[in-house]
Amino acid sequence: LSEKLAEEADPTGNSQDASRVILLT
């Protein structure tokens, strides 16, 4: 995820369930 998209809420809520995230900042 880019930082901008990580800050936005995923309307489906799926991003909250992810156990592995690479954040680009």
PDB file of all heavy atoms in Angstrom:
ATOM      1  N   LEU A   1       0.810  -1.214   0.000  1.00  0.00           N
ATOM      2  CA  LEU A   1       0.000   0.000   0.000  1.00  0.00           C
ATOM      3  C   LEU A   1       0.840   1.259   0.000  1.00  0.00           C
ATOM      4  O   LEU A   1       1.820   1.349   0.738  1.00  0.00           O
ATOM      5  CB  LEU A   1      -0.890   0.036   1.250  1.00  0.00           C
ATOM      6  CG  LEU A   1      -1.904  -1.075   1.428  1.00  0.00           C
ATOM      7  CD1 LEU A   1      -2.522  -1.007   2.808  1.00  0.00           C
ATOM      8  CD2 LEU A   1      -2.968  -0.988   0.358  1.00  0.00           C
ATOM      9  N   SER A   2       0.419   2.243  -0.783  1.00  0.00           N
ATOM     10  CA  SER A   2       1.026   3.561  -0.653  1.00  0.00           C
ATOM     11  C   SER A   2       0.476   4.167   0.633  1.00  0.00           C
ATOM     12  O   SER A   2      -0.589   3.778   1.127  1.00  0.00           O
ATOM     13  CB  SER A   2       0.670   4.448  -1.848  1.00  0.00           C
ATOM     14  OG  SER A   2      -0.708   4.761  -1.847  1.00  0.00           O
ATOM     15  N   GLU A   3       1.212   5.099   1.172  1.00  0.00           N
ATOM     16  CA  GLU A   3       0.791   5.713   2.425  1.00  0.00           C
ATOM     17  C   GLU A   3      -0.588   6.370   2.307  1.00  0.00           C
ATOM     18  O   GLU A   3      -1.426   6.233   3.184  1.00  0.00           O
ATOM     19  CB  GLU A   3       1.831   6.753   2.837  1.00  0.00           C
ATOM     20  CG  GLU A   3       1.604   7.321   4.207  1.00  0.00           C
ATOM     21  CD  GLU A   3       2.755   8.208   4.599  1.00  0.00           C
ATOM     22  OE1 GLU A   3       3.429   8.774   3.730  1.00  0.00           O
ATOM     23  OE2 GLU A   3       2.967   8.333   5.810  1.00  0.00           O
ATOM     24  N   LYS A   4      -0.827   7.021   1.182  1.00  0.00           N
ATOM     25  CA  LYS A   4      -2.118   7.690   0.975  1.00  0.00           C
ATOM     26  C   LYS A   4      -3.278   6.692   1.033  1.00  0.00           C
ATOM     27  O   LYS A   4      -4.277   6.927   1.712  1.00  0.00           O
ATOM     28  CB  LYS A   4      -2.123   8.413  -0.370  1.00  0.00           C
ATOM     29  CG  LYS A   4      -3.424   9.121  -0.656  1.00  0.00           C
ATOM     30  CD  LYS A   4      -3.406   9.781  -2.018  1.00  0.00           C
ATOM     31  CE  LYS A   4      -4.726  10.448  -2.273  1.00  0.00           C
ATOM     32  NZ  LYS A   4      -5.391   9.986  -3.452  1.00  0.00           N
ATOM     33  N   LEU A   5      -3.134   5.572   0.343  1.00  0.00           N
ATOM     34  CA  LEU A   5      -4.211   4.584   0.346  1.00  0.00           C
ATOM     35  C   LEU A   5      -4.327   3.881   1.695  1.00  0.00           C
ATOM     36  O   LEU A   5      -5.409   3.478   2.095  1.00  0.00           O
ATOM     37  CB  LEU A   5      -4.027   3.571  -0.778  1.00  0.00           C
ATOM     38  CG  LEU A   5      -4.327   4.126  -2.178  1.00  0.00           C
ATOM     39  CD1 LEU A   5      -3.924   3.133  -3.240  1.00  0.00           C
ATOM     40  CD2 LEU A   5      -5.791   4.484  -2.316  1.00  0.00           C
ATOM     41  N   ALA A   6      -3.214   3.743   2.394  1.00  0.00           N
ATOM     42  CA  ALA A   6      -3.267   3.124   3.726  1.00  0.00           C
ATOM     43  C   ALA A   6      -4.035   4.008   4.700  1.00  0.00           C
ATOM     44  O   ALA A   6      -4.702   3.508   5.607  1.00  0.00           O
ATOM     45  CB  ALA A   6      -1.860   2.868   4.252  1.00  0.00           C
ATOM     46  N   GLU A   7      -3.951   5.324   4.508  1.00  0.00           N
ATOM     47  CA  GLU A   7      -4.662   6.249   5.388  1.00  0.00           C
ATOM     48  C   GLU A   7      -6.158   6.262   5.115  1.00  0.00           C
ATOM     49  O   GLU A   7      -6.953   6.572   5.982  1.00  0.00           O
ATOM     50  CB  GLU A   7      -4.093   7.664   5.240  1.00  0.00           C
ATOM     51  CG  GLU A   7      -2.699   7.797   5.815  1.00  0.00           C
ATOM     52  CD  GLU A   7      -2.075   9.150   5.531  1.00  0.00           C
ATOM     53  OE1 GLU A   7      -2.675   9.972   4.792  1.00  0.00           O
ATOM     54  OE2 GLU A   7      -0.975   9.395   6.042  1.00  0.00           O
ATOM     55  N   GLU A   8      -6.530   5.947   3.877  1.00  0.00           N
ATOM     56  CA  GLU A   8      -7.950   5.904   3.523  1.00  0.00           C
ATOM     57  C   GLU A   8      -8.546   4.601   4.054  1.00  0.00           C
ATOM     58  O   GLU A   8      -7.905   3.566   4.055  1.00  0.00           O
ATOM     59  CB  GLU A   8      -8.130   5.948   2.004  1.00  0.00           C
ATOM     60  CG  GLU A   8      -7.671   7.236   1.386  1.00  0.00           C
ATOM     61  CD  GLU A   8      -7.749   7.189  -0.138  1.00  0.00           C
ATOM     62  OE1 GLU A   8      -8.267   6.202  -0.699  1.00  0.00           O
ATOM     63  OE2 GLU A   8      -7.268   8.142  -0.746  1.00  0.00           O
ATOM     64  N   ALA A   9      -9.756   4.663   4.450  1.00  0.00           N
ATOM     65  CA  ALA A   9     -10.430   3.456   4.941  1.00  0.00           C
ATOM     66  C   ALA A   9     -10.883   2.614   3.756  1.00  0.00           C
ATOM     67  O   ALA A   9     -11.457   3.126   2.804  1.00  0.00           O
ATOM     68  CB  ALA A   9     -11.625   3.833   5.794  1.00  0.00           C
ATOM     69  N   ASP A  10     -10.615   1.321   3.815  1.00  0.00           N
ATOM     70  CA  ASP A  10     -11.136   0.398   2.814  1.00  0.00           C
ATOM     71  C   ASP A  10     -12.606   0.174   3.146  1.00  0.00           C
ATOM     72  O   ASP A  10     -12.933  -0.338   4.203  1.00  0.00           O
ATOM     73  CB  ASP A  10     -10.360  -0.920   2.867  1.00  0.00           C
ATOM     74  CG  ASP A  10     -10.913  -1.975   1.919  1.00  0.00           C
ATOM     75  OD1 ASP A  10     -11.842  -1.661   1.145  1.00  0.00           O
ATOM     76  OD2 ASP A  10     -10.423  -3.106   1.964  1.00  0.00           O
ATOM     77  N   PRO A  11     -13.507   0.579   2.246  1.00  0.00           N
ATOM     78  CA  PRO A  11     -14.928   0.431   2.537  1.00  0.00           C
ATOM     79  C   PRO A  11     -15.362  -1.004   2.811  1.00  0.00           C
ATOM     80  O   PRO A  11     -16.343  -1.241   3.484  1.00  0.00           O
ATOM     81  CB  PRO A  11     -15.630   0.978   1.300  1.00  0.00           C
ATOM     82  CG  PRO A  11     -14.592   1.400   0.354  1.00  0.00           C
ATOM     83  CD  PRO A  11     -13.241   1.155   0.949  1.00  0.00           C
ATOM     84  N   THR A  12     -14.617  -1.993   2.296  1.00  0.00           N
ATOM     85  CA  THR A  12     -15.000  -3.388   2.536  1.00  0.00           C
ATOM     86  C   THR A  12     -14.456  -3.881   3.863  1.00  0.00           C
ATOM     87  O   THR A  12     -14.839  -4.938   4.339  1.00  0.00           O
ATOM     88  CB  THR A  12     -14.455  -4.308   1.420  1.00  0.00           C
ATOM     89  OG1 THR A  12     -13.037  -4.283   1.467  1.00  0.00           O
ATOM     90  CG2 THR A  12     -14.952  -3.887   0.060  1.00  0.00           C
ATOM     91  N   GLY A  13     -13.506  -3.149   4.432  1.00  0.00           N
ATOM     92  CA  GLY A  13     -12.913  -3.548   5.697  1.00  0.00           C
ATOM     93  C   GLY A  13     -11.851  -4.617   5.550  1.00  0.00           C
ATOM     94  O   GLY A  13     -11.248  -5.049   6.518  1.00  0.00           O
ATOM     95  N   ASN A  14     -11.585  -5.061   4.335  1.00  0.00           N
ATOM     96  CA  ASN A  14     -10.630  -6.150   4.128  1.00  0.00           C
ATOM     97  C   ASN A  14      -9.210  -5.801   4.518  1.00  0.00           C
ATOM     98  O   ASN A  14      -8.451  -6.658   4.924  1.00  0.00           O
ATOM     99  CB  ASN A  14     -10.651  -6.614   2.670  1.00  0.00           C
ATOM    100  CG  ASN A  14     -11.878  -7.410   2.359  1.00  0.00           C
ATOM    101  OD1 ASN A  14     -12.532  -7.938   3.258  1.00  0.00           O
ATOM    102  ND2 ASN A  14     -12.220  -7.490   1.095  1.00  0.00           N
ATOM    103  N   SER A  15      -8.828  -4.545   4.410  1.00  0.00           N
ATOM    104  CA  SER A  15      -7.446  -4.195   4.720  1.00  0.00           C
ATOM    105  C   SER A  15      -7.155  -4.411   6.192  1.00  0.00           C
ATOM    106  O   SER A  15      -6.022  -4.659   6.570  1.00  0.00           O
ATOM    107  CB  SER A  15      -7.164  -2.744   4.334  1.00  0.00           C
ATOM    108  OG  SER A  15      -7.971  -1.876   5.105  1.00  0.00           O
ATOM    109  N   GLN A  16      -8.166  -4.335   7.027  1.00  0.00           N
ATOM    110  CA  GLN A  16      -7.972  -4.530   8.452  1.00  0.00           C
ATOM    111  C   GLN A  16      -7.671  -5.987   8.781  1.00  0.00           C
ATOM    112  O   GLN A  16      -7.088  -6.292   9.798  1.00  0.00           O
ATOM    113  CB  GLN A  16      -9.219  -4.082   9.229  1.00  0.00           C
ATOM    114  CG  GLN A  16      -9.700  -2.685   8.875  1.00  0.00           C
ATOM    115  CD  GLN A  16      -8.615  -1.635   8.961  1.00  0.00           C
ATOM    116  OE1 GLN A  16      -7.822  -1.637   9.887  1.00  0.00           O
ATOM    117  NE2 GLN A  16      -8.560  -0.746   7.985  1.00  0.00           N
ATOM    118  N   ASP A  17      -8.075  -6.902   7.909  1.00  0.00           N
ATOM    119  CA  ASP A  17      -7.875  -8.328   8.143  1.00  0.00           C
ATOM    120  C   ASP A  17      -6.536  -8.835   7.625  1.00  0.00           C
ATOM    121  O   ASP A  17      -6.174  -9.964   7.875  1.00  0.00           O
ATOM    122  CB  ASP A  17      -8.993  -9.129   7.458  1.00  0.00           C
ATOM    123  CG  ASP A  17     -10.361  -8.772   8.010  1.00  0.00           C
ATOM    124  OD1 ASP A  17     -10.435  -8.362   9.181  1.00  0.00           O
ATOM    125  OD2 ASP A  17     -11.331  -8.900   7.264  1.00  0.00           O
ATOM    126  N   ALA A  18      -5.827  -8.000   6.893  1.00  0.00           N
ATOM    127  CA  ALA A  18      -4.567  -8.448   6.302  1.00  0.00           C
ATOM    128  C   ALA A  18      -3.517  -8.633   7.385  1.00  0.00           C
ATOM    129  O   ALA A  18      -3.346  -7.790   8.245  1.00  0.00           O
ATOM    130  CB  ALA A  18      -4.094  -7.430   5.268  1.00  0.00           C
ATOM    131  N   SER A  19      -2.841  -9.753   7.328  1.00  0.00           N
ATOM    132  CA  SER A  19      -1.802  -9.996   8.325  1.00  0.00           C
ATOM    133  C   SER A  19      -0.440  -9.549   7.824  1.00  0.00           C
ATOM    134  O   SER A  19       0.470  -9.373   8.605  1.00  0.00           O
ATOM    135  CB  SER A  19      -1.775 -11.474   8.695  1.00  0.00           C
ATOM    136  OG  SER A  19      -1.507 -12.239   7.544  1.00  0.00           O
ATOM    137  N   ARG A  20      -0.285  -9.367   6.531  1.00  0.00           N
ATOM    138  CA  ARG A  20       0.995  -8.966   5.970  1.00  0.00           C
ATOM    139  C   ARG A  20       0.816  -7.720   5.108  1.00  0.00           C
ATOM    140  O   ARG A  20       0.080  -7.747   4.128  1.00  0.00           O
ATOM    141  CB  ARG A  20       1.578 -10.102   5.156  1.00  0.00           C
ATOM    142  CG  ARG A  20       1.878 -11.321   6.039  1.00  0.00           C
ATOM    143  CD  ARG A  20       2.358 -12.467   5.244  1.00  0.00           C
ATOM    144  NE  ARG A  20       1.215 -13.075   4.550  1.00  0.00           N
ATOM    145  CZ  ARG A  20       1.265 -14.234   3.931  1.00  0.00           C
ATOM    146  NH1 ARG A  20       2.394 -14.895   3.874  1.00  0.00           N
ATOM    147  NH2 ARG A  20       0.216 -14.733   3.350  1.00  0.00           N
ATOM    148  N   VAL A  21       1.503  -6.645   5.499  1.00  0.00           N
ATOM    149  CA  VAL A  21       1.367  -5.365   4.808  1.00  0.00           C
ATOM    150  C   VAL A  21       2.756  -4.786   4.573  1.00  0.00           C
ATOM    151  O   VAL A  21       3.587  -4.767   5.473  1.00  0.00           O
ATOM    152  CB  VAL A  21       0.530  -4.363   5.633  1.00  0.00           C
ATOM    153  CG1 VAL A  21       0.490  -3.000   4.952  1.00  0.00           C
ATOM    154  CG2 VAL A  21      -0.877  -4.894   5.862  1.00  0.00           C
ATOM    155  N   ILE A  22       2.985  -4.307   3.350  1.00  0.00           N
ATOM    156  CA  ILE A  22       4.180  -3.536   3.036  1.00  0.00           C
ATOM    157  C   ILE A  22       3.686  -2.122   2.761  1.00  0.00           C
ATOM    158  O   ILE A  22       2.887  -1.901   1.857  1.00  0.00           O
ATOM    159  CB  ILE A  22       4.930  -4.115   1.827  1.00  0.00           C
ATOM    160  CG1 ILE A  22       5.407  -5.536   2.145  1.00  0.00           C
ATOM    161  CG2 ILE A  22       6.102  -3.212   1.446  1.00  0.00           C
ATOM    162  CD1 ILE A  22       6.018  -6.258   0.963  1.00  0.00           C
ATOM    163  N   LEU A  23       4.134  -1.182   3.579  1.00  0.00           N
ATOM    164  CA  LEU A  23       3.710   0.212   3.474  1.00  0.00           C
ATOM    165  C   LEU A  23       4.798   1.011   2.784  1.00  0.00           C
ATOM    166  O   LEU A  23       5.959   0.989   3.200  1.00  0.00           O
ATOM    167  CB  LEU A  23       3.442   0.791   4.868  1.00  0.00           C
ATOM    168  CG  LEU A  23       3.061   2.266   4.939  1.00  0.00           C
ATOM    169  CD1 LEU A  23       1.737   2.522   4.232  1.00  0.00           C
ATOM    170  CD2 LEU A  23       2.998   2.717   6.391  1.00  0.00           C
ATOM    171  N   LEU A  24       4.431   1.727   1.716  1.00  0.00           N
ATOM    172  CA  LEU A  24       5.369   2.580   0.991  1.00  0.00           C
ATOM    173  C   LEU A  24       5.143   4.013   1.438  1.00  0.00           C
ATOM    174  O   LEU A  24       4.058   4.548   1.276  1.00  0.00           O
ATOM    175  CB  LEU A  24       5.132   2.457  -0.519  1.00  0.00           C
ATOM    176  CG  LEU A  24       5.104   1.044  -1.093  1.00  0.00           C
ATOM    177  CD1 LEU A  24       4.812   1.088  -2.577  1.00  0.00           C
ATOM    178  CD2 LEU A  24       6.400   0.322  -0.813  1.00  0.00           C
ATOM    179  N   THR A  25       6.166   4.628   2.023  1.00  0.00           N
ATOM    180  CA  THR A  25       6.012   5.974   2.560  1.00  0.00           C
ATOM    181  C   THR A  25       7.098   6.903   2.029  1.00  0.00           C
ATOM    182  O   THR A  25       8.212   6.471   1.742  1.00  0.00           O
ATOM    183  CB  THR A  25       6.034   5.971   4.104  1.00  0.00           C
ATOM    184  OG1 THR A  25       5.880   7.304   4.575  1.00  0.00           O
ATOM    185  CG2 THR A  25       7.316   5.389   4.654  1.00  0.00           C
TER     186      THR A  25
END
